[in-house]
Amino acid sequence: WTYGFPELSKDQREQLQTSKRISNPGCYPTGFIGLTRPLTDAGILPAGTPLTVNAISGYSGGGKGLMAIFEDSDDHEPWSGYGFSLEHKHIPEMAKYSNLGKEPIFQPQIATFDQGMVVSVPLHYAWLKEGTTGKDIHDALSKYYEDSTFISVMPAGEGAIKEAGLLERGAFLRPDTLKNTNKMELFVFYNDDTEQALLCARLDNLGKGASGAAVQNLNIALGVDETTGL
């Protein structure tokens, strides 16, 4: 089986072109791996680093049963955290394809919107390659995805992100902005004084996180334009 994340590495598309079996990534892992794999490959984020990943998704991520609860009844929570066994099915996928080799603590959540998600990974500089700054993190992500059609790295830091109008009311990272697209946006918020960074991935859980990725992989396998139907 070939992992269906075309942007995972330089040779991933070539592998997808010749594969007979393609496994589509999970929506949460798409965000986590998209943020962390470039940093492990660049030597910024050491293998074995014990990360946490916090993520919120639209309720459609829970399938037909959960969608019925939210759409056919008012008897549902405004927000729900889950995965408290710390054994969520996507955790091994995150550890493997990020090249971290260590399972993160994963805390997924859903709320009362149908589609979209934000996946967040906090970092202390003390965990990273010595001397790493927020700009270094941003530069690594930007270089990794510079030729990508569907993955974009947003301006570096809160100030630039605000200036670009990417935060609702100048403060909020809205999860449903990319609804019905195969796009994923990556954000690097950082504070070099406190030596901390917060990496965020925004995508549609049913788009780049599911069916959009499936169509993209199918296009690659069939040898047609990667953006066909997307």
C-alpha atoms as a PDB file:
ATOM      1  CA  TRP A   1       0.000   0.000   0.000  1.00  0.00           C
ATOM      2  CA  THR A   2       1.228   3.476  -0.901  1.00  0.00           C
ATOM      3  CA  TYR A   3       0.320   6.321   1.420  1.00  0.00           C
ATOM      4  CA  GLY A   4      -1.914   8.748  -0.463  1.00  0.00           C
ATOM      5  CA  PHE A   5      -0.338  12.037   0.570  1.00  0.00           C
ATOM      6  CA  PRO A   6       1.237  13.284  -2.686  1.00  0.00           C
ATOM      7  CA  GLU A   7       3.062  16.142  -0.944  1.00  0.00           C
ATOM      8  CA  LEU A   8       4.660  13.832   1.641  1.00  0.00           C
ATOM      9  CA  SER A   9       8.044  13.655  -0.094  1.00  0.00           C
ATOM     10  CA  LYS A  10       9.722  14.345  -3.425  1.00  0.00           C
ATOM     11  CA  ASP A  11       9.160  10.808  -4.703  1.00  0.00           C
ATOM     12  CA  GLN A  12       5.651  10.242  -3.330  1.00  0.00           C
ATOM     13  CA  ARG A  13       3.888  11.135  -6.572  1.00  0.00           C
ATOM     14  CA  GLU A  14       6.073   8.717  -8.505  1.00  0.00           C
ATOM     15  CA  GLN A  15       5.162   5.952  -6.079  1.00  0.00           C
ATOM     16  CA  LEU A  16       1.459   6.782  -6.439  1.00  0.00           C
ATOM     17  CA  GLN A  17       1.732   6.689 -10.236  1.00  0.00           C
ATOM     18  CA  THR A  18       2.842   3.052 -10.165  1.00  0.00           C
ATOM     19  CA  SER A  19       0.945   1.790  -7.138  1.00  0.00           C
ATOM     20  CA  LYS A  20      -1.900  -0.720  -7.380  1.00  0.00           C
ATOM     21  CA  ARG A  21      -3.076   0.002  -3.834  1.00  0.00           C
ATOM     22  CA  ILE A  22      -3.326   3.488  -2.313  1.00  0.00           C
ATOM     23  CA  SER A  23      -4.337   4.189   1.287  1.00  0.00           C
ATOM     24  CA  ASN A  24      -6.096   7.514   1.752  1.00  0.00           C
ATOM     25  CA  PRO A  25      -4.856   9.538   4.751  1.00  0.00           C
ATOM     26  CA  GLY A  26      -7.095  10.418   7.667  1.00  0.00           C
ATOM     27  CA  CYS A  27      -8.181  14.036   8.010  1.00  0.00           C
ATOM     28  CA  TYR A  28      -6.449  14.672  11.342  1.00  0.00           C
ATOM     29  CA  PRO A  29      -3.193  12.998  10.239  1.00  0.00           C
ATOM     30  CA  THR A  30      -3.174  15.085   7.050  1.00  0.00           C
ATOM     31  CA  GLY A  31      -2.885  18.241   9.145  1.00  0.00           C
ATOM     32  CA  PHE A  32      -0.409  16.812  11.657  1.00  0.00           C
ATOM     33  CA  ILE A  33       1.863  15.190   9.089  1.00  0.00           C
ATOM     34  CA  GLY A  34       1.671  18.226   6.826  1.00  0.00           C
ATOM     35  CA  LEU A  35       3.030  20.351   9.667  1.00  0.00           C
ATOM     36  CA  THR A  36       5.645  18.005  11.125  1.00  0.00           C
ATOM     37  CA  ARG A  37       7.133  15.971   8.269  1.00  0.00           C
ATOM     38  CA  PRO A  38       8.987  18.947   6.744  1.00  0.00           C
ATOM     39  CA  LEU A  39      10.545  19.686  10.130  1.00  0.00           C
ATOM     40  CA  THR A  40      11.722  16.123  10.769  1.00  0.00           C
ATOM     41  CA  ASP A  41      13.138  15.878   7.250  1.00  0.00           C
ATOM     42  CA  ALA A  42      14.960  19.193   7.747  1.00  0.00           C
ATOM     43  CA  GLY A  43      16.476  18.025  11.030  1.00  0.00           C
ATOM     44  CA  ILE A  44      14.668  20.743  12.982  1.00  0.00           C
ATOM     45  CA  LEU A  45      12.327  18.400  14.845  1.00  0.00           C
ATOM     46  CA  PRO A  46      14.189  15.363  16.227  1.00  0.00           C
ATOM     47  CA  ALA A  47      12.710  11.887  15.915  1.00  0.00           C
ATOM     48  CA  GLY A  48      11.172  10.746  19.174  1.00  0.00           C
ATOM     49  CA  THR A  49       9.993  14.201  20.253  1.00  0.00           C
ATOM     50  CA  PRO A  50       6.880  13.734  22.454  1.00  0.00           C
ATOM     51  CA  LEU A  51       4.360  16.057  20.810  1.00  0.00           C
ATOM     52  CA  THR A  52       0.721  16.816  21.471  1.00  0.00           C
ATOM     53  CA  VAL A  53      -1.838  17.549  18.782  1.00  0.00           C
ATOM     54  CA  ASN A  54      -5.096  19.352  19.460  1.00  0.00           C
ATOM     55  CA  ALA A  55      -7.668  19.462  16.699  1.00  0.00           C
ATOM     56  CA  ILE A  56     -11.234  20.543  16.096  1.00  0.00           C
ATOM     57  CA  SER A  57     -13.361  19.284  13.219  1.00  0.00           C
ATOM     58  CA  GLY A  58     -16.831  19.756  11.858  1.00  0.00           C
ATOM     59  CA  TYR A  59     -19.282  17.089  12.973  1.00  0.00           C
ATOM     60  CA  SER A  60     -19.271  15.454   9.515  1.00  0.00           C
ATOM     61  CA  GLY A  61     -15.977  13.901  10.542  1.00  0.00           C
ATOM     62  CA  GLY A  62     -17.940  11.535  12.765  1.00  0.00           C
ATOM     63  CA  GLY A  63     -19.815   9.909   9.887  1.00  0.00           C
ATOM     64  CA  LYS A  64     -23.517   9.459   9.159  1.00  0.00           C
ATOM     65  CA  GLY A  65     -24.475   8.585  12.718  1.00  0.00           C
ATOM     66  CA  LEU A  66     -23.032  11.746  14.201  1.00  0.00           C
ATOM     67  CA  MET A  67     -24.302  13.868  11.328  1.00  0.00           C
ATOM     68  CA  ALA A  68     -27.836  12.648  12.061  1.00  0.00           C
ATOM     69  CA  ILE A  69     -27.485  13.663  15.697  1.00  0.00           C
ATOM     70  CA  PHE A  70     -26.393  17.193  14.809  1.00  0.00           C
ATOM     71  CA  GLU A  71     -28.695  17.750  11.831  1.00  0.00           C
ATOM     72  CA  ASP A  72     -31.898  15.991  12.892  1.00  0.00           C
ATOM     73  CA  SER A  73     -31.989  16.914  16.564  1.00  0.00           C
ATOM     74  CA  ASP A  74     -31.222  19.734  18.959  1.00  0.00           C
ATOM     75  CA  ASP A  75     -30.161  17.187  21.569  1.00  0.00           C
ATOM     76  CA  HIS A  76     -26.405  17.437  21.088  1.00  0.00           C
ATOM     77  CA  GLU A  77     -23.437  19.104  22.684  1.00  0.00           C
ATOM     78  CA  PRO A  78     -22.157  22.486  21.426  1.00  0.00           C
ATOM     79  CA  TRP A  79     -18.626  21.083  21.639  1.00  0.00           C
ATOM     80  CA  SER A  80     -17.276  17.626  22.361  1.00  0.00           C
ATOM     81  CA  GLY A  81     -13.811  16.323  23.089  1.00  0.00           C
ATOM     82  CA  TYR A  82     -13.230  12.610  22.629  1.00  0.00           C
ATOM     83  CA  GLY A  83     -10.473  10.015  22.227  1.00  0.00           C
ATOM     84  CA  PHE A  84      -9.852   9.859  25.965  1.00  0.00           C
ATOM     85  CA  SER A  85      -8.523   6.293  25.789  1.00  0.00           C
ATOM     86  CA  LEU A  86      -5.439   7.830  24.089  1.00  0.00           C
ATOM     87  CA  GLU A  87      -5.717   5.033  21.530  1.00  0.00           C
ATOM     88  CA  HIS A  88      -7.335   6.853  18.616  1.00  0.00           C
ATOM     89  CA  LYS A  89      -6.997   4.917  15.361  1.00  0.00           C
ATOM     90  CA  HIS A  90      -5.103   7.737  13.625  1.00  0.00           C
ATOM     91  CA  ILE A  91      -2.253   7.950  16.167  1.00  0.00           C
ATOM     92  CA  PRO A  92      -0.023   5.233  14.610  1.00  0.00           C
ATOM     93  CA  GLU A  93      -0.465   6.902  11.215  1.00  0.00           C
ATOM     94  CA  MET A  94       0.693  10.216  12.649  1.00  0.00           C
ATOM     95  CA  ALA A  95       3.784   8.683  14.233  1.00  0.00           C
ATOM     96  CA  LYS A  96       4.786   6.732  11.120  1.00  0.00           C
ATOM     97  CA  TYR A  97       4.388   9.243   8.330  1.00  0.00           C
ATOM     98  CA  SER A  98       5.662  12.256  10.268  1.00  0.00           C
ATOM     99  CA  ASN A  99       8.932  10.316  10.671  1.00  0.00           C
ATOM    100  CA  LEU A 100       8.759  11.083  14.387  1.00  0.00           C
ATOM    101  CA  GLY A 101       8.485   7.430  15.319  1.00  0.00           C
ATOM    102  CA  LYS A 102       6.743   8.385  18.571  1.00  0.00           C
ATOM    103  CA  GLU A 103       3.006   8.539  19.028  1.00  0.00           C
ATOM    104  CA  PRO A 104       1.740  12.009  19.940  1.00  0.00           C
ATOM    105  CA  ILE A 105      -0.911  12.696  22.545  1.00  0.00           C
ATOM    106  CA  PHE A 106      -3.938  13.364  20.384  1.00  0.00           C
ATOM    107  CA  GLN A 107      -6.986  15.301  21.602  1.00  0.00           C
ATOM    108  CA  PRO A 108      -9.657  15.515  18.887  1.00  0.00           C
ATOM    109  CA  GLN A 109     -12.784  17.624  19.188  1.00  0.00           C
ATOM    110  CA  ILE A 110     -15.942  18.323  17.207  1.00  0.00           C
ATOM    111  CA  ALA A 111     -18.353  21.258  17.300  1.00  0.00           C
ATOM    112  CA  THR A 112     -21.585  22.502  15.742  1.00  0.00           C
ATOM    113  CA  PHE A 113     -20.334  23.285  12.228  1.00  0.00           C
ATOM    114  CA  ASP A 114     -20.508  20.717   9.470  1.00  0.00           C
ATOM    115  CA  GLN A 115     -17.179  20.861   7.625  1.00  0.00           C
ATOM    116  CA  GLY A 116     -13.679  22.163   8.162  1.00  0.00           C
ATOM    117  CA  MET A 117     -10.969  21.687  10.736  1.00  0.00           C
ATOM    118  CA  VAL A 118      -7.921  23.167  12.421  1.00  0.00           C
ATOM    119  CA  VAL A 119      -5.118  20.891  13.611  1.00  0.00           C
ATOM    120  CA  SER A 120      -2.708  22.494  16.094  1.00  0.00           C
ATOM    121  CA  VAL A 121       0.756  21.380  17.247  1.00  0.00           C
ATOM    122  CA  PRO A 122       2.489  23.392  20.008  1.00  0.00           C
ATOM    123  CA  LEU A 123       6.292  23.421  20.127  1.00  0.00           C
ATOM    124  CA  HIS A 124       8.907  24.509  22.631  1.00  0.00           C
ATOM    125  CA  TYR A 125      12.152  25.578  20.990  1.00  0.00           C
ATOM    126  CA  ALA A 126      13.967  23.462  23.601  1.00  0.00           C
ATOM    127  CA  TRP A 127      12.668  20.378  21.756  1.00  0.00           C
ATOM    128  CA  LEU A 128      14.083  21.543  18.434  1.00  0.00           C
ATOM    129  CA  LYS A 129      17.499  21.770  16.810  1.00  0.00           C
ATOM    130  CA  GLU A 130      19.607  24.227  18.813  1.00  0.00           C
ATOM    131  CA  GLY A 131      19.252  27.805  17.620  1.00  0.00           C
ATOM    132  CA  THR A 132      15.958  27.274  15.804  1.00  0.00           C
ATOM    133  CA  THR A 133      13.700  30.340  15.514  1.00  0.00           C
ATOM    134  CA  GLY A 134      10.146  30.810  14.361  1.00  0.00           C
ATOM    135  CA  LYS A 135      11.429  32.054  11.016  1.00  0.00           C
ATOM    136  CA  ASP A 136      13.437  28.847  10.590  1.00  0.00           C
ATOM    137  CA  ILE A 137      10.287  26.787  11.101  1.00  0.00           C
ATOM    138  CA  HIS A 138       8.357  28.917   8.632  1.00  0.00           C
ATOM    139  CA  ASP A 139      11.182  28.795   6.072  1.00  0.00           C
ATOM    140  CA  ALA A 140      11.346  24.989   6.297  1.00  0.00           C
ATOM    141  CA  LEU A 141       7.623  24.636   5.639  1.00  0.00           C
ATOM    142  CA  SER A 142       7.681  27.210   2.836  1.00  0.00           C
ATOM    143  CA  LYS A 143      10.539  25.479   1.051  1.00  0.00           C
ATOM    144  CA  TYR A 144       8.923  22.043   1.421  1.00  0.00           C
ATOM    145  CA  TYR A 145       5.669  23.137  -0.212  1.00  0.00           C
ATOM    146  CA  GLU A 146       6.949  25.795  -2.607  1.00  0.00           C
ATOM    147  CA  ASP A 147       5.785  23.831  -5.664  1.00  0.00           C
ATOM    148  CA  SER A 148       2.558  22.517  -4.151  1.00  0.00           C
ATOM    149  CA  THR A 149      -0.773  23.176  -5.831  1.00  0.00           C
ATOM    150  CA  PHE A 150      -2.995  22.488  -2.847  1.00  0.00           C
ATOM    151  CA  ILE A 151      -0.866  23.226   0.237  1.00  0.00           C
ATOM    152  CA  SER A 152       0.007  26.833   1.049  1.00  0.00           C
ATOM    153  CA  VAL A 153       2.123  28.279   3.845  1.00  0.00           C
ATOM    154  CA  MET A 154       0.656  31.504   5.175  1.00  0.00           C
ATOM    155  CA  PRO A 155       2.716  34.568   6.230  1.00  0.00           C
ATOM    156  CA  ALA A 156       4.960  34.107   9.268  1.00  0.00           C
ATOM    157  CA  GLY A 157       3.735  35.132  12.706  1.00  0.00           C
ATOM    158  CA  GLU A 158       0.542  36.573  14.119  1.00  0.00           C
ATOM    159  CA  GLY A 159       1.189  40.125  12.960  1.00  0.00           C
ATOM    160  CA  ALA A 160       1.647  39.187   9.312  1.00  0.00           C
ATOM    161  CA  ILE A 161      -1.270  36.767   9.443  1.00  0.00           C
ATOM    162  CA  LYS A 162      -3.517  39.504  10.835  1.00  0.00           C
ATOM    163  CA  GLU A 163      -2.304  41.955   8.211  1.00  0.00           C
ATOM    164  CA  ALA A 164      -3.208  39.450   5.498  1.00  0.00           C
ATOM    165  CA  GLY A 165      -6.764  39.285   6.857  1.00  0.00           C
ATOM    166  CA  LEU A 166      -6.529  35.599   7.730  1.00  0.00           C
ATOM    167  CA  LEU A 167      -7.939  35.892  11.259  1.00  0.00           C
ATOM    168  CA  GLU A 168     -11.659  36.522  11.793  1.00  0.00           C
ATOM    169  CA  ARG A 169     -12.146  39.875  13.535  1.00  0.00           C
ATOM    170  CA  GLY A 170      -8.354  40.047  13.772  1.00  0.00           C
ATOM    171  CA  ALA A 171      -8.219  37.281  16.359  1.00  0.00           C
ATOM    172  CA  PHE A 172      -9.833  33.971  15.388  1.00  0.00           C
ATOM    173  CA  LEU A 173      -8.621  31.174  13.114  1.00  0.00           C
ATOM    174  CA  ARG A 174     -11.869  29.995  11.577  1.00  0.00           C
ATOM    175  CA  PRO A 175     -11.981  26.242  10.805  1.00  0.00           C
ATOM    176  CA  ASP A 176     -14.477  26.200   7.927  1.00  0.00           C
ATOM    177  CA  THR A 177     -12.848  28.713   5.563  1.00  0.00           C
ATOM    178  CA  LEU A 178     -11.657  26.016   3.120  1.00  0.00           C
ATOM    179  CA  LYS A 179     -14.945  24.122   3.021  1.00  0.00           C
ATOM    180  CA  ASN A 180     -15.526  22.255  -0.263  1.00  0.00           C
ATOM    181  CA  THR A 181     -11.924  22.590  -1.427  1.00  0.00           C
ATOM    182  CA  ASN A 182      -8.872  20.326  -1.577  1.00  0.00           C
ATOM    183  CA  LYS A 183      -6.685  23.056  -0.105  1.00  0.00           C
ATOM    184  CA  MET A 184      -4.713  23.092   3.120  1.00  0.00           C
ATOM    185  CA  GLU A 185      -3.246  26.217   4.720  1.00  0.00           C
ATOM    186  CA  LEU A 186      -0.351  26.024   7.182  1.00  0.00           C
ATOM    187  CA  PHE A 187       0.248  28.678   9.832  1.00  0.00           C
ATOM    188  CA  VAL A 188       3.295  29.337  12.010  1.00  0.00           C
ATOM    189  CA  PHE A 189       2.579  31.462  15.076  1.00  0.00           C
ATOM    190  CA  TYR A 190       5.677  32.036  17.168  1.00  0.00           C
ATOM    191  CA  ASN A 191       7.269  34.045  19.947  1.00  0.00           C
ATOM    192  CA  ASP A 192      11.053  33.980  19.912  1.00  0.00           C
ATOM    193  CA  ASP A 193      11.199  35.669  23.333  1.00  0.00           C
ATOM    194  CA  THR A 194       9.281  32.865  25.029  1.00  0.00           C
ATOM    195  CA  GLU A 195      10.843  30.308  22.643  1.00  0.00           C
ATOM    196  CA  GLN A 196       7.506  28.815  21.693  1.00  0.00           C
ATOM    197  CA  ALA A 197       5.642  28.171  18.450  1.00  0.00           C
ATOM    198  CA  LEU A 198       2.154  27.019  17.529  1.00  0.00           C
ATOM    199  CA  LEU A 199       1.732  25.309  14.179  1.00  0.00           C
ATOM    200  CA  CYS A 200      -1.774  25.119  12.711  1.00  0.00           C
ATOM    201  CA  ALA A 201      -3.179  23.396   9.645  1.00  0.00           C
ATOM    202  CA  ARG A 202      -6.549  24.446   8.249  1.00  0.00           C
ATOM    203  CA  LEU A 203      -8.385  22.202   5.788  1.00  0.00           C
ATOM    204  CA  ASP A 204     -11.733  20.690   4.933  1.00  0.00           C
ATOM    205  CA  ASN A 205     -12.060  17.355   6.717  1.00  0.00           C
ATOM    206  CA  LEU A 206     -14.126  16.119   3.755  1.00  0.00           C
ATOM    207  CA  GLY A 207     -11.835  17.739   1.162  1.00  0.00           C
ATOM    208  CA  LYS A 208      -8.058  17.497   1.533  1.00  0.00           C
ATOM    209  CA  GLY A 209      -8.821  15.374   4.579  1.00  0.00           C
ATOM    210  CA  ALA A 210     -10.882  12.770   2.694  1.00  0.00           C
ATOM    211  CA  SER A 211     -12.613  12.746  -0.700  1.00  0.00           C
ATOM    212  CA  GLY A 212     -10.548  15.561  -2.200  1.00  0.00           C
ATOM    213  CA  ALA A 213      -7.361  13.667  -1.416  1.00  0.00           C
ATOM    214  CA  ALA A 214      -8.892  10.507  -2.877  1.00  0.00           C
ATOM    215  CA  VAL A 215      -9.644  12.295  -6.172  1.00  0.00           C
ATOM    216  CA  GLN A 216      -6.153  13.826  -6.219  1.00  0.00           C
ATOM    217  CA  ASN A 217      -4.604  10.374  -5.734  1.00  0.00           C
ATOM    218  CA  LEU A 218      -6.842   8.878  -8.419  1.00  0.00           C
ATOM    219  CA  ASN A 219      -5.796  11.585 -10.859  1.00  0.00           C
ATOM    220  CA  ILE A 220      -2.124  10.864 -10.193  1.00  0.00           C
ATOM    221  CA  ALA A 221      -2.607   7.109 -10.549  1.00  0.00           C
ATOM    222  CA  LEU A 222      -4.445   7.577 -13.849  1.00  0.00           C
ATOM    223  CA  GLY A 223      -1.886  10.017 -15.210  1.00  0.00           C
ATOM    224  CA  VAL A 224      -4.309  12.908 -15.679  1.00  0.00           C
ATOM    225  CA  ASP A 225      -3.965  16.468 -14.427  1.00  0.00           C
ATOM    226  CA  GLU A 226      -3.751  16.369 -10.657  1.00  0.00           C
ATOM    227  CA  THR A 227      -6.338  19.130 -10.285  1.00  0.00           C
ATOM    228  CA  THR A 228      -9.027  17.445 -12.421  1.00  0.00           C
ATOM    229  CA  GLY A 229     -12.366  17.617 -10.620  1.00  0.00           C
ATOM    230  CA  LEU A 230     -10.852  19.629  -7.807  1.00  0.00           C
END
